[in-house]
Each structure stands twice: as structure tokens, then as C-alpha cells.
């Protein structure tokens, strides 16, 4: 069998496992707690946030949101995206993962499902204009976009 979906089942690296074990042994406290052990845990998280910002070139650690994984991250972004305080239109691929599709359907002002080719690529030639609710329209740019971003 060839298994091609390792998103949810990839084992952490040895370095990641060792770091987790070390943190759990040294910091058995909730970083949201008011006591001193909580403050120590909170400081570790802030150090990780600073390091991640340096890694990705983000200048302000307050702009970095840490989540437990892809589903929580997708939900946080999609459910929180409200330009001008209003729900926005969403364009998703017809082959989108449920962690993107479901919050988009639940929270967006409308959802356009862009058709994909048999290879999972959004294909503008298969339909570039879609009506939404009989009122709004959206165009898919005349180039090909991957259905999902590389990880």
C-alpha cells in the first residue's frame, strides 16, 4: 500500500519528542495560571513565539497565533476573518479539506466552490464565473492555483 496522506499521522521528529518530554518534566504547570509555575510556562511559550517569529520573518510576536494543529488553525483564521466586521465571501476549492470547507460554509457570507482538475488544481477553464445567491459574482484569476498550499 502507498499511503499519501500523512498530514494527521506523521510522527514528530526525535528532537520534537525530546523537547516535549523535557518541557513536560520541567514545567508541569498551566501557562495560563496566575502562580509562579504558570508564569514560567508562559515565559517558555513567549520564547517559542519569539523564535518562531524570527524563523518566518514576522516582526511582532503578538501577530503570531499558536494553535494545536491544522484544523484549529484553519478554524481560527476562517471564523475570525470578518473585514469591516462583516462576514466575507469565501472562495474554496471543490476538493477542500473539511477543516476549511465546514467553517467557510458556516461563517462566510457566501461560498464559491472553484472546480478542480483531476489533479486537484483549480482550473479556470472549467468555469471562471460563478453566481452566488443570484446577487454577487466572483472571478477566479486566469492562472492555475494549487487546491491546497504546500506544507
Protein backbone atom coordinates (compact mmCIF):
# COMPACT_ATOMS: atom_id res chain seq x y z
CA UNK A 1 0.00 0.00 0.00
CA UNK A 2 1.17 3.51 -0.79
CA UNK A 3 -0.03 5.95 1.88
CA UNK A 4 -0.05 9.56 0.69
CA UNK A 5 -1.98 11.38 3.44
CA UNK A 6 0.45 11.91 6.29
CA UNK A 7 -0.94 15.25 7.49
CA UNK A 8 -2.58 13.92 10.65
CA UNK A 9 -0.45 10.85 11.19
CA UNK A 10 3.16 11.95 10.74
CA UNK A 11 5.14 11.14 13.86
CA UNK A 12 7.03 14.06 15.41
CA UNK A 13 10.78 14.04 14.92
CA UNK A 14 13.02 12.74 17.71
CA UNK A 15 14.07 16.33 18.51
CA UNK A 16 10.43 17.41 18.84
CA UNK A 17 9.58 14.42 21.07
CA UNK A 18 12.61 15.12 23.26
CA UNK A 19 11.69 18.81 23.59
CA UNK A 20 8.11 17.92 24.55
CA UNK A 21 9.24 15.37 27.15
CA UNK A 22 11.71 17.87 28.62
CA UNK A 23 9.10 20.64 28.80
CA UNK A 24 6.50 18.39 30.42
CA UNK A 25 9.00 17.15 33.01
CA UNK A 26 10.35 20.63 33.82
CA UNK A 27 7.14 22.65 33.52
CA UNK A 28 4.14 20.67 34.75
CA UNK A 29 2.05 23.84 35.02
CA UNK A 30 -0.64 25.59 33.03
CA UNK A 31 0.89 28.69 31.36
CA UNK A 32 -2.42 30.49 31.88
CA UNK A 33 -2.24 30.04 35.67
CA UNK A 34 -1.51 33.04 37.89
CA UNK A 35 1.03 31.23 40.11
CA UNK A 36 4.79 31.29 39.57
CA UNK A 37 4.97 27.92 37.75
CA UNK A 38 2.35 29.23 35.34
CA UNK A 39 4.49 32.31 34.77
CA UNK A 40 7.48 30.08 33.97
CA UNK A 41 5.40 28.12 31.46
CA UNK A 42 4.12 31.35 29.93
CA UNK A 43 7.72 32.61 29.56
CA UNK A 44 8.68 29.41 27.70
CA UNK A 45 5.76 29.89 25.30
CA UNK A 46 6.77 33.52 24.71
CA UNK A 47 10.34 32.40 23.92
CA UNK A 48 8.97 29.88 21.42
CA UNK A 49 6.79 32.61 19.90
CA UNK A 50 9.82 34.92 19.54
CA UNK A 51 11.89 32.15 17.94
CA UNK A 52 9.07 31.29 15.51
CA UNK A 53 8.78 34.96 14.52
CA UNK A 54 12.49 35.08 13.75
CA UNK A 55 12.18 31.88 11.73
CA UNK A 56 9.37 33.17 9.50
CA UNK A 57 10.46 36.83 9.45
CA UNK A 58 7.47 38.17 11.39
CA UNK A 59 8.45 41.31 13.28
CA UNK A 60 5.77 41.33 16.00
CA UNK A 61 5.29 38.21 18.16
CA UNK A 62 1.82 39.48 19.12
CA UNK A 63 0.77 38.89 15.49
CA UNK A 64 1.64 35.17 15.73
CA UNK A 65 -1.20 32.87 16.79
CA UNK A 66 -0.12 29.46 18.06
CA UNK A 67 -2.62 26.61 17.62
CA UNK A 68 -2.54 22.90 18.35
CA UNK A 69 -2.74 21.87 14.70
CA UNK A 70 -4.10 22.44 11.21
CA UNK A 71 -7.82 22.07 11.97
CA UNK A 72 -7.70 24.53 14.86
CA UNK A 73 -5.59 26.92 12.78
CA UNK A 74 -7.98 26.79 9.82
CA UNK A 75 -10.98 27.35 12.09
CA UNK A 76 -9.28 30.26 13.86
CA UNK A 77 -8.49 32.06 10.62
CA UNK A 78 -11.71 31.33 8.72
CA UNK A 79 -14.08 32.01 11.63
CA UNK A 80 -12.17 35.16 12.54
CA UNK A 81 -11.95 36.69 9.05
CA UNK A 82 -14.52 39.49 9.08
CA UNK A 83 -13.35 42.53 7.09
CA UNK A 84 -15.22 45.63 8.27
CA UNK A 85 -16.85 43.46 10.95
CA UNK A 86 -19.00 41.62 8.41
CA UNK A 87 -18.80 38.05 7.08
CA UNK A 88 -16.85 37.90 3.83
CA UNK A 89 -17.33 35.88 0.65
CA UNK A 90 -15.14 32.77 0.56
CA UNK A 91 -13.64 31.01 -2.45
CA UNK A 92 -12.59 27.45 -1.73
CA UNK A 93 -11.68 24.55 -3.97
CA UNK A 94 -14.32 21.93 -4.66
CA UNK A 95 -11.89 19.40 -3.16
CA UNK A 96 -11.25 21.36 0.04
CA UNK A 97 -10.50 19.66 3.35
CA UNK A 98 -13.43 19.67 5.81
CA UNK A 99 -11.44 21.86 8.23
CA UNK A 100 -11.63 24.61 5.60
CA UNK A 101 -14.95 23.79 3.95
CA UNK A 102 -17.10 23.48 7.09
CA UNK A 103 -16.17 26.77 8.81
CA UNK A 104 -16.42 28.57 5.45
CA UNK A 105 -19.94 27.23 4.92
CA UNK A 106 -20.89 28.11 8.50
CA UNK A 107 -19.41 31.61 8.69
CA UNK A 108 -18.98 33.18 5.25
CA UNK A 109 -21.49 35.48 3.59
CA UNK A 110 -21.41 33.05 0.69
CA UNK A 111 -19.11 30.32 -0.60
CA UNK A 112 -17.86 29.82 -4.15
CA UNK A 113 -16.57 26.31 -4.78
CA UNK A 114 -13.95 26.60 -7.51
CA UNK A 115 -13.82 23.49 -9.72
CA UNK A 116 -10.64 21.44 -9.73
CA UNK A 117 -8.97 19.30 -12.35
CA UNK A 118 -8.50 15.55 -11.83
CA UNK A 119 -5.05 16.51 -10.47
CA UNK A 120 -6.55 18.74 -7.75
CA UNK A 121 -5.63 22.03 -9.42
CA UNK A 122 -8.12 24.90 -9.65
CA UNK A 123 -8.84 25.08 -13.36
CA UNK A 124 -10.17 28.45 -14.63
CA UNK A 125 -11.03 26.88 -17.99
CA UNK A 126 -13.68 24.70 -16.32
CA UNK A 127 -15.72 27.66 -15.14
CA UNK A 128 -14.32 31.02 -14.14
CA UNK A 129 -17.52 32.85 -13.22
CA UNK A 130 -19.87 31.67 -10.52
CA UNK A 131 -23.11 33.28 -9.33
CA UNK A 132 -23.62 33.42 -5.59
CA UNK A 133 -27.14 33.87 -4.30
CA UNK A 134 -28.14 35.46 -7.61
CA UNK A 135 -26.57 38.75 -6.44
CA UNK A 136 -22.79 38.61 -6.30
CA UNK A 137 -20.18 37.28 -8.69
CA UNK A 138 -16.52 36.44 -8.33
CA UNK A 139 -13.82 35.69 -10.85
CA UNK A 140 -11.05 33.18 -10.48
CA UNK A 141 -7.85 34.72 -11.79
CA UNK A 142 -6.82 33.36 -15.22
CA UNK A 143 -3.97 31.20 -13.95
CA UNK A 144 -3.79 27.89 -12.13
CA UNK A 145 -3.55 27.72 -8.34
CA UNK A 146 -2.87 24.58 -6.29
CA UNK A 147 -6.01 23.37 -4.46
CA UNK A 148 -4.06 23.35 -1.20
CA UNK A 149 -0.92 25.16 -0.12
CA UNK A 150 2.28 23.15 0.23
CA UNK A 151 3.18 22.32 3.82
